[in-house]
Amino acid sequence: WQSNILLLIKRANRFFPVIEPILEEQGLPDDFK
């Protein structure tokens, strides 16, 4: 499902940097992003 996975990777580049430090601060594994 190429169009979907491309969009997800593109969007994740914007939102993962926001989520990752919060998960770490809250003591959750990074996989939850």
PDB file of all heavy atoms in Angstrom:
ATOM      1  N   TRP A   1       0.896  -1.179   0.000  1.00  0.00           N
ATOM      2  CA  TRP A   1       0.000   0.000   0.000  1.00  0.00           C
ATOM      3  C   TRP A   1       0.925   1.218   0.000  1.00  0.00           C
ATOM      4  O   TRP A   1       1.039   1.935   0.964  1.00  0.00           O
ATOM      5  CB  TRP A   1      -0.902  -0.030   1.228  1.00  0.00           C
ATOM      6  CG  TRP A   1      -1.998   0.983   1.212  1.00  0.00           C
ATOM      7  CD1 TRP A   1      -2.301   1.864   0.214  1.00  0.00           C
ATOM      8  CD2 TRP A   1      -2.943   1.236   2.260  1.00  0.00           C
ATOM      9  NE1 TRP A   1      -3.370   2.651   0.563  1.00  0.00           N
ATOM     10  CE2 TRP A   1      -3.779   2.290   1.810  1.00  0.00           C
ATOM     11  CE3 TRP A   1      -3.145   0.687   3.511  1.00  0.00           C
ATOM     12  CZ2 TRP A   1      -4.817   2.785   2.609  1.00  0.00           C
ATOM     13  CZ3 TRP A   1      -4.179   1.188   4.294  1.00  0.00           C
ATOM     14  CH2 TRP A   1      -5.006   2.217   3.842  1.00  0.00           C
ATOM     15  N   GLN A   2       1.564   1.418  -1.161  1.00  0.00           N
ATOM     16  CA  GLN A   2       2.688   2.344  -1.224  1.00  0.00           C
ATOM     17  C   GLN A   2       2.305   3.782  -0.890  1.00  0.00           C
ATOM     18  O   GLN A   2       3.052   4.474  -0.189  1.00  0.00           O
ATOM     19  CB  GLN A   2       3.336   2.295  -2.618  1.00  0.00           C
ATOM     20  CG  GLN A   2       4.039   0.984  -2.933  1.00  0.00           C
ATOM     21  CD  GLN A   2       3.190   0.055  -3.773  1.00  0.00           C
ATOM     22  OE1 GLN A   2       1.966   0.082  -3.693  1.00  0.00           O
ATOM     23  NE2 GLN A   2       3.825  -0.766  -4.598  1.00  0.00           N
ATOM     24  N   SER A   3       1.188   4.250  -1.391  1.00  0.00           N
ATOM     25  CA  SER A   3       0.819   5.643  -1.141  1.00  0.00           C
ATOM     26  C   SER A   3       0.635   5.892   0.353  1.00  0.00           C
ATOM     27  O   SER A   3       1.047   6.935   0.877  1.00  0.00           O
ATOM     28  CB  SER A   3      -0.467   5.995  -1.894  1.00  0.00           C
ATOM     29  OG  SER A   3      -1.548   5.160  -1.493  1.00  0.00           O
ATOM     30  N   ASN A   4       0.045   4.943   1.056  1.00  0.00           N
ATOM     31  CA  ASN A   4      -0.196   5.121   2.482  1.00  0.00           C
ATOM     32  C   ASN A   4       1.100   5.105   3.274  1.00  0.00           C
ATOM     33  O   ASN A   4       1.319   5.978   4.131  1.00  0.00           O
ATOM     34  CB  ASN A   4      -1.124   4.015   2.988  1.00  0.00           C
ATOM     35  CG  ASN A   4      -1.557   4.243   4.424  1.00  0.00           C
ATOM     36  OD1 ASN A   4      -2.223   5.224   4.736  1.00  0.00           O
ATOM     37  ND2 ASN A   4      -1.189   3.340   5.309  1.00  0.00           N
ATOM     38  N   ILE A   5       1.982   4.147   3.004  1.00  0.00           N
ATOM     39  CA  ILE A   5       3.218   4.058   3.787  1.00  0.00           C
ATOM     40  C   ILE A   5       4.114   5.266   3.516  1.00  0.00           C
ATOM     41  O   ILE A   5       4.799   5.766   4.428  1.00  0.00           O
ATOM     42  CB  ILE A   5       3.956   2.730   3.522  1.00  0.00           C
ATOM     43  CG1 ILE A   5       4.952   2.437   4.658  1.00  0.00           C
ATOM     44  CG2 ILE A   5       4.663   2.726   2.184  1.00  0.00           C
ATOM     45  CD1 ILE A   5       4.323   2.125   5.978  1.00  0.00           C
ATOM     46  N   LEU A   6       4.102   5.775   2.280  1.00  0.00           N
ATOM     47  CA  LEU A   6       4.868   6.988   1.984  1.00  0.00           C
ATOM     48  C   LEU A   6       4.346   8.169   2.788  1.00  0.00           C
ATOM     49  O   LEU A   6       5.118   8.943   3.375  1.00  0.00           O
ATOM     50  CB  LEU A   6       4.820   7.303   0.489  1.00  0.00           C
ATOM     51  CG  LEU A   6       5.680   6.427  -0.426  1.00  0.00           C
ATOM     52  CD1 LEU A   6       5.340   6.710  -1.888  1.00  0.00           C
ATOM     53  CD2 LEU A   6       7.162   6.643  -0.178  1.00  0.00           C
ATOM     54  N   LEU A   7       3.031   8.332   2.827  1.00  0.00           N
ATOM     55  CA  LEU A   7       2.439   9.430   3.592  1.00  0.00           C
ATOM     56  C   LEU A   7       2.751   9.312   5.080  1.00  0.00           C
ATOM     57  O   LEU A   7       3.050  10.303   5.752  1.00  0.00           O
ATOM     58  CB  LEU A   7       0.918   9.465   3.389  1.00  0.00           C
ATOM     59  CG  LEU A   7       0.415  10.170   2.130  1.00  0.00           C
ATOM     60  CD1 LEU A   7      -1.075   9.935   1.951  1.00  0.00           C
ATOM     61  CD2 LEU A   7       0.705  11.672   2.207  1.00  0.00           C
ATOM     62  N   LEU A   8       2.687   8.090   5.607  1.00  0.00           N
ATOM     63  CA  LEU A   8       2.949   7.894   7.034  1.00  0.00           C
ATOM     64  C   LEU A   8       4.395   8.249   7.378  1.00  0.00           C
ATOM     65  O   LEU A   8       4.659   8.889   8.408  1.00  0.00           O
ATOM     66  CB  LEU A   8       2.649   6.454   7.428  1.00  0.00           C
ATOM     67  CG  LEU A   8       1.179   6.031   7.370  1.00  0.00           C
ATOM     68  CD1 LEU A   8       1.019   4.582   7.809  1.00  0.00           C
ATOM     69  CD2 LEU A   8       0.293   6.940   8.224  1.00  0.00           C
ATOM     70  N   ILE A   9       5.335   7.850   6.537  1.00  0.00           N
ATOM     71  CA  ILE A   9       6.736   8.176   6.796  1.00  0.00           C
ATOM     72  C   ILE A   9       6.962   9.683   6.714  1.00  0.00           C
ATOM     73  O   ILE A   9       7.672  10.272   7.532  1.00  0.00           O
ATOM     74  CB  ILE A   9       7.655   7.421   5.819  1.00  0.00           C
ATOM     75  CG1 ILE A   9       7.582   5.909   6.072  1.00  0.00           C
ATOM     76  CG2 ILE A   9       9.103   7.903   5.957  1.00  0.00           C
ATOM     77  CD1 ILE A   9       8.324   5.059   5.057  1.00  0.00           C
ATOM     78  N   LYS A  10       6.350  10.324   5.719  1.00  0.00           N
ATOM     79  CA  LYS A  10       6.484  11.771   5.578  1.00  0.00           C
ATOM     80  C   LYS A  10       5.932  12.495   6.806  1.00  0.00           C
ATOM     81  O   LYS A  10       6.572  13.403   7.361  1.00  0.00           O
ATOM     82  CB  LYS A  10       5.738  12.240   4.323  1.00  0.00           C
ATOM     83  CG  LYS A  10       6.416  11.915   2.995  1.00  0.00           C
ATOM     84  CD  LYS A  10       5.460  12.168   1.840  1.00  0.00           C
ATOM     85  CE  LYS A  10       6.082  11.869   0.486  1.00  0.00           C
ATOM     86  NZ  LYS A  10       6.784  13.037  -0.078  1.00  0.00           N
ATOM     87  N   ARG A  11       4.733  12.109   7.259  1.00  0.00           N
ATOM     88  CA  ARG A  11       4.116  12.774   8.413  1.00  0.00           C
ATOM     89  C   ARG A  11       4.880  12.491   9.705  1.00  0.00           C
ATOM     90  O   ARG A  11       5.029  13.372  10.557  1.00  0.00           O
ATOM     91  CB  ARG A  11       2.668  12.313   8.579  1.00  0.00           C
ATOM     92  CG  ARG A  11       1.727  12.774   7.492  1.00  0.00           C
ATOM     93  CD  ARG A  11       0.347  12.208   7.751  1.00  0.00           C
ATOM     94  NE  ARG A  11      -0.549  12.414   6.625  1.00  0.00           N
ATOM     95  CZ  ARG A  11      -1.468  11.533   6.238  1.00  0.00           C
ATOM     96  NH1 ARG A  11      -1.627  10.394   6.900  1.00  0.00           N
ATOM     97  NH2 ARG A  11      -2.249  11.793   5.209  1.00  0.00           N
ATOM     98  N   ALA A  12       5.343  11.254   9.846  1.00  0.00           N
ATOM     99  CA  ALA A  12       6.038  10.876  11.078  1.00  0.00           C
ATOM    100  C   ALA A  12       7.274  11.738  11.301  1.00  0.00           C
ATOM    101  O   ALA A  12       7.647  12.017  12.449  1.00  0.00           O
ATOM    102  CB  ALA A  12       6.414   9.401  11.032  1.00  0.00           C
ATOM    103  N   ASN A  13       7.906  12.160  10.230  1.00  0.00           N
ATOM    104  CA  ASN A  13       9.084  13.017  10.362  1.00  0.00           C
ATOM    105  C   ASN A  13       8.748  14.321  11.074  1.00  0.00           C
ATOM    106  O   ASN A  13       9.603  14.925  11.724  1.00  0.00           O
ATOM    107  CB  ASN A  13       9.656  13.325   8.978  1.00  0.00           C
ATOM    108  CG  ASN A  13      11.011  13.990   9.051  1.00  0.00           C
ATOM    109  OD1 ASN A  13      11.985  13.388   9.469  1.00  0.00           O
ATOM    110  ND2 ASN A  13      11.073  15.256   8.648  1.00  0.00           N
ATOM    111  N   ARG A  14       7.506  14.766  10.989  1.00  0.00           N
ATOM    112  CA  ARG A  14       7.061  15.986  11.669  1.00  0.00           C
ATOM    113  C   ARG A  14       6.637  15.713  13.111  1.00  0.00           C
ATOM    114  O   ARG A  14       6.925  16.510  14.011  1.00  0.00           O
ATOM    115  CB  ARG A  14       5.900  16.617  10.899  1.00  0.00           C
ATOM    116  CG  ARG A  14       5.260  17.831  11.587  1.00  0.00           C
ATOM    117  CD  ARG A  14       4.288  18.530  10.670  1.00  0.00           C
ATOM    118  NE  ARG A  14       5.000  19.135   9.541  1.00  0.00           N
ATOM    119  CZ  ARG A  14       4.416  19.549   8.417  1.00  0.00           C
ATOM    120  NH1 ARG A  14       3.107  19.386   8.259  1.00  0.00           N
ATOM    121  NH2 ARG A  14       5.127  20.095   7.453  1.00  0.00           N
ATOM    122  N   PHE A  15       5.966  14.583  13.336  1.00  0.00           N
ATOM    123  CA  PHE A  15       5.338  14.366  14.639  1.00  0.00           C
ATOM    124  C   PHE A  15       6.132  13.482  15.594  1.00  0.00           C
ATOM    125  O   PHE A  15       6.007  13.628  16.813  1.00  0.00           O
ATOM    126  CB  PHE A  15       3.935  13.794  14.433  1.00  0.00           C
ATOM    127  CG  PHE A  15       3.002  14.730  13.731  1.00  0.00           C
ATOM    128  CD1 PHE A  15       2.547  14.465  12.450  1.00  0.00           C
ATOM    129  CD2 PHE A  15       2.583  15.902  14.345  1.00  0.00           C
ATOM    130  CE1 PHE A  15       1.685  15.343  11.799  1.00  0.00           C
ATOM    131  CE2 PHE A  15       1.727  16.785  13.705  1.00  0.00           C
ATOM    132  CZ  PHE A  15       1.277  16.505  12.431  1.00  0.00           C
ATOM    133  N   PHE A  16       6.951  12.572  15.091  1.00  0.00           N
ATOM    134  CA  PHE A  16       7.745  11.726  15.987  1.00  0.00           C
ATOM    135  C   PHE A  16       8.652  12.544  16.912  1.00  0.00           C
ATOM    136  O   PHE A  16       8.799  12.202  18.092  1.00  0.00           O
ATOM    137  CB  PHE A  16       8.568  10.714  15.189  1.00  0.00           C
ATOM    138  CG  PHE A  16       7.827   9.447  14.841  1.00  0.00           C
ATOM    139  CD1 PHE A  16       8.444   8.455  14.095  1.00  0.00           C
ATOM    140  CD2 PHE A  16       6.509   9.235  15.257  1.00  0.00           C
ATOM    141  CE1 PHE A  16       7.771   7.270  13.778  1.00  0.00           C
ATOM    142  CE2 PHE A  16       5.828   8.065  14.935  1.00  0.00           C
ATOM    143  CZ  PHE A  16       6.474   7.081  14.201  1.00  0.00           C
ATOM    144  N   PRO A  17       9.302  13.620  16.418  1.00  0.00           N
ATOM    145  CA  PRO A  17      10.162  14.395  17.326  1.00  0.00           C
ATOM    146  C   PRO A  17       9.396  15.026  18.496  1.00  0.00           C
ATOM    147  O   PRO A  17      10.016  15.355  19.514  1.00  0.00           O
ATOM    148  CB  PRO A  17      10.745  15.480  16.404  1.00  0.00           C
ATOM    149  CG  PRO A  17      10.723  14.868  15.045  1.00  0.00           C
ATOM    150  CD  PRO A  17       9.455  14.066  15.011  1.00  0.00           C
ATOM    151  N   VAL A  18       8.100  15.192  18.360  1.00  0.00           N
ATOM    152  CA  VAL A  18       7.283  15.703  19.469  1.00  0.00           C
ATOM    153  C   VAL A  18       6.938  14.574  20.433  1.00  0.00           C
ATOM    154  O   VAL A  18       7.014  14.722  21.660  1.00  0.00           O
ATOM    155  CB  VAL A  18       5.986  16.351  18.942  1.00  0.00           C
ATOM    156  CG1 VAL A  18       5.116  16.843  20.096  1.00  0.00           C
ATOM    157  CG2 VAL A  18       6.312  17.493  17.988  1.00  0.00           C
ATOM    158  N   ILE A  19       6.590  13.410  19.888  1.00  0.00           N
ATOM    159  CA  ILE A  19       6.129  12.290  20.704  1.00  0.00           C
ATOM    160  C   ILE A  19       7.268  11.610  21.455  1.00  0.00           C
ATOM    161  O   ILE A  19       7.128  11.255  22.635  1.00  0.00           O
ATOM    162  CB  ILE A  19       5.397  11.267  19.804  1.00  0.00           C
ATOM    163  CG1 ILE A  19       4.061  11.833  19.343  1.00  0.00           C
ATOM    164  CG2 ILE A  19       5.179   9.953  20.532  1.00  0.00           C
ATOM    165  CD1 ILE A  19       3.319  10.928  18.393  1.00  0.00           C
ATOM    166  N   GLU A  20       8.393  11.413  20.804  1.00  0.00           N
ATOM    167  CA  GLU A  20       9.481  10.605  21.374  1.00  0.00           C
ATOM    168  C   GLU A  20       9.960  11.098  22.742  1.00  0.00           C
ATOM    169  O   GLU A  20      10.062  10.292  23.687  1.00  0.00           O
ATOM    170  CB  GLU A  20      10.641  10.531  20.376  1.00  0.00           C
ATOM    171  CG  GLU A  20      10.331   9.670  19.166  1.00  0.00           C
ATOM    172  CD  GLU A  20      11.301   9.850  18.019  1.00  0.00           C
ATOM    173  OE1 GLU A  20      12.086  10.832  18.048  1.00  0.00           O
ATOM    174  OE2 GLU A  20      11.274   9.034  17.084  1.00  0.00           O
ATOM    175  N   PRO A  21      10.258  12.402  22.910  1.00  0.00           N
ATOM    176  CA  PRO A  21      10.719  12.833  24.243  1.00  0.00           C
ATOM    177  C   PRO A  21       9.646  12.729  25.319  1.00  0.00           C
ATOM    178  O   PRO A  21       9.967  12.504  26.493  1.00  0.00           O
ATOM    179  CB  PRO A  21      11.151  14.291  24.021  1.00  0.00           C
ATOM    180  CG  PRO A  21      10.492  14.714  22.755  1.00  0.00           C
ATOM    181  CD  PRO A  21      10.343  13.492  21.926  1.00  0.00           C
ATOM    182  N   ILE A  22       8.379  12.857  24.928  1.00  0.00           N
ATOM    183  CA  ILE A  22       7.301  12.724  25.915  1.00  0.00           C
ATOM    184  C   ILE A  22       7.193  11.281  26.386  1.00  0.00           C
ATOM    185  O   ILE A  22       7.044  11.006  27.589  1.00  0.00           O
ATOM    186  CB  ILE A  22       5.956  13.205  25.329  1.00  0.00           C
ATOM    187  CG1 ILE A  22       6.017  14.699  25.007  1.00  0.00           C
ATOM    188  CG2 ILE A  22       4.807  12.931  26.299  1.00  0.00           C
ATOM    189  CD1 ILE A  22       4.794  15.237  24.305  1.00  0.00           C
ATOM    190  N   LEU A  23       7.278  10.331  25.456  1.00  0.00           N
ATOM    191  CA  LEU A  23       7.251   8.918  25.836  1.00  0.00           C
ATOM    192  C   LEU A  23       8.415   8.597  26.768  1.00  0.00           C
ATOM    193  O   LEU A  23       8.243   7.900  27.782  1.00  0.00           O
ATOM    194  CB  LEU A  23       7.303   8.028  24.589  1.00  0.00           C
ATOM    195  CG  LEU A  23       6.089   8.068  23.650  1.00  0.00           C
ATOM    196  CD1 LEU A  23       6.331   7.167  22.444  1.00  0.00           C
ATOM    197  CD2 LEU A  23       4.809   7.647  24.374  1.00  0.00           C
ATOM    198  N   GLU A  24       9.589   9.122  26.452  1.00  0.00           N
ATOM    199  CA  GLU A  24      10.755   8.867  27.298  1.00  0.00           C
ATOM    200  C   GLU A  24      10.564   9.469  28.685  1.00  0.00           C
ATOM    201  O   GLU A  24      10.847   8.826  29.706  1.00  0.00           O
ATOM    202  CB  GLU A  24      12.014   9.443  26.637  1.00  0.00           C
ATOM    203  CG  GLU A  24      13.289   9.169  27.422  1.00  0.00           C
ATOM    204  CD  GLU A  24      14.525   9.707  26.725  1.00  0.00           C
ATOM    205  OE1 GLU A  24      14.385  10.416  25.704  1.00  0.00           O
ATOM    206  OE2 GLU A  24      15.638   9.426  27.213  1.00  0.00           O
ATOM    207  N   GLU A  25      10.064  10.684  28.714  1.00  0.00           N
ATOM    208  CA  GLU A  25       9.828  11.364  29.995  1.00  0.00           C
ATOM    209  C   GLU A  25       8.800  10.620  30.843  1.00  0.00           C
ATOM    210  O   GLU A  25       8.915  10.561  32.070  1.00  0.00           O
ATOM    211  CB  GLU A  25       9.349  12.794  29.723  1.00  0.00           C
ATOM    212  CG  GLU A  25       9.080  13.617  30.959  1.00  0.00           C
ATOM    213  CD  GLU A  25       8.573  15.003  30.594  1.00  0.00           C
ATOM    214  OE1 GLU A  25       9.367  15.782  30.024  1.00  0.00           O
ATOM    215  OE2 GLU A  25       7.393  15.286  30.852  1.00  0.00           O
ATOM    216  N   GLN A  26       7.812  10.023  30.175  1.00  0.00           N
ATOM    217  CA  GLN A  26       6.750   9.296  30.872  1.00  0.00           C
ATOM    218  C   GLN A  26       7.143   7.855  31.194  1.00  0.00           C
ATOM    219  O   GLN A  26       6.366   7.127  31.819  1.00  0.00           O
ATOM    220  CB  GLN A  26       5.475   9.305  30.019  1.00  0.00           C
ATOM    221  CG  GLN A  26       4.830  10.663  29.872  1.00  0.00           C
ATOM    222  CD  GLN A  26       4.235  11.173  31.176  1.00  0.00           C
ATOM    223  OE1 GLN A  26       3.614  10.420  31.921  1.00  0.00           O
ATOM    224  NE2 GLN A  26       4.422  12.454  31.463  1.00  0.00           N
ATOM    225  N   GLY A  27       8.323   7.436  30.767  1.00  0.00           N
ATOM    226  CA  GLY A  27       8.790   6.094  31.070  1.00  0.00           C
ATOM    227  C   GLY A  27       8.191   5.009  30.196  1.00  0.00           C
ATOM    228  O   GLY A  27       8.111   3.848  30.613  1.00  0.00           O
ATOM    229  N   LEU A  28       7.807   5.361  28.982  1.00  0.00           N
ATOM    230  CA  LEU A  28       7.250   4.381  28.048  1.00  0.00           C
ATOM    231  C   LEU A  28       8.262   4.003  26.979  1.00  0.00           C
ATOM    232  O   LEU A  28       9.063   4.845  26.558  1.00  0.00           O
ATOM    233  CB  LEU A  28       5.989   4.928  27.363  1.00  0.00           C
ATOM    234  CG  LEU A  28       4.660   4.427  27.957  1.00  0.00           C
ATOM    235  CD1 LEU A  28       4.429   5.082  29.304  1.00  0.00           C
ATOM    236  CD2 LEU A  28       3.512   4.693  27.011  1.00  0.00           C
ATOM    237  N   PRO A  29       8.223   2.756  26.505  1.00  0.00           N
ATOM    238  CA  PRO A  29       9.102   2.361  25.388  1.00  0.00           C
ATOM    239  C   PRO A  29       8.801   3.187  24.139  1.00  0.00           C
ATOM    240  O   PRO A  29       7.651   3.569  23.885  1.00  0.00           O
ATOM    241  CB  PRO A  29       8.749   0.882  25.178  1.00  0.00           C
ATOM    242  CG  PRO A  29       8.171   0.425  26.475  1.00  0.00           C
ATOM    243  CD  PRO A  29       7.448   1.616  27.030  1.00  0.00           C
ATOM    244  N   ASP A  30       9.839   3.411  23.374  1.00  0.00           N
ATOM    245  CA  ASP A  30       9.733   4.221  22.159  1.00  0.00           C
ATOM    246  C   ASP A  30       8.787   3.600  21.129  1.00  0.00           C
ATOM    247  O   ASP A  30       8.209   4.314  20.298  1.00  0.00           O
ATOM    248  CB  ASP A  30      11.125   4.396  21.555  1.00  0.00           C
ATOM    249  CG  ASP A  30      11.153   5.372  20.396  1.00  0.00           C
ATOM    250  OD1 ASP A  30      10.930   6.570  20.619  1.00  0.00           O
ATOM    251  OD2 ASP A  30      11.404   4.926  19.257  1.00  0.00           O
ATOM    252  N   ASP A  31       8.600   2.282  21.181  1.00  0.00           N
ATOM    253  CA  ASP A  31       7.738   1.604  20.204  1.00  0.00           C
ATOM    254  C   ASP A  31       6.320   2.154  20.187  1.00  0.00           C
ATOM    255  O   ASP A  31       5.597   1.983  19.189  1.00  0.00           O
ATOM    256  CB  ASP A  31       7.678   0.101  20.490  1.00  0.00           C
ATOM    257  CG  ASP A  31       8.935  -0.633  20.049  1.00  0.00           C
ATOM    258  OD1 ASP A  31       9.830   0.011  19.474  1.00  0.00           O
ATOM    259  OD2 ASP A  31       9.018  -1.856  20.293  1.00  0.00           O
ATOM    260  N   PHE A  32       5.885   2.800  21.265  1.00  0.00           N
ATOM    261  CA  PHE A  32       4.503   3.265  21.319  1.00  0.00           C
ATOM    262  C   PHE A  32       4.223   4.423  20.360  1.00  0.00           C
ATOM    263  O   PHE A  32       3.064   4.750  20.107  1.00  0.00           O
ATOM    264  CB  PHE A  32       4.109   3.636  22.746  1.00  0.00           C
ATOM    265  CG  PHE A  32       3.705   2.445  23.564  1.00  0.00           C
ATOM    266  CD1 PHE A  32       4.499   1.988  24.591  1.00  0.00           C
ATOM    267  CD2 PHE A  32       2.537   1.754  23.275  1.00  0.00           C
ATOM    268  CE1 PHE A  32       4.140   0.870  25.331  1.00  0.00           C
ATOM    269  CE2 PHE A  32       2.163   0.641  23.999  1.00  0.00           C
ATOM    270  CZ  PHE A  32       2.960   0.191  25.035  1.00  0.00           C
ATOM    271  N   LYS A  33       5.265   5.017  19.792  1.00  0.00           N
ATOM    272  CA  LYS A  33       4.999   6.042  18.783  1.00  0.00           C
ATOM    273  C   LYS A  33       4.318   5.421  17.563  1.00  0.00           C
ATOM    274  O   LYS A  33       3.539   6.085  16.867  1.00  0.00           O
ATOM    275  CB  LYS A  33       6.287   6.750  18.371  1.00  0.00           C
ATOM    276  CG  LYS A  33       7.320   5.864  17.674  1.00  0.00           C
ATOM    277  CD  LYS A  33       8.652   6.590  17.520  1.00  0.00           C
ATOM    278  CE  LYS A  33       9.696   5.729  16.836  1.00  0.00           C
ATOM    279  NZ  LYS A  33      11.027   6.369  16.823  1.00  0.00           N
TER     280      LYS A  33
END
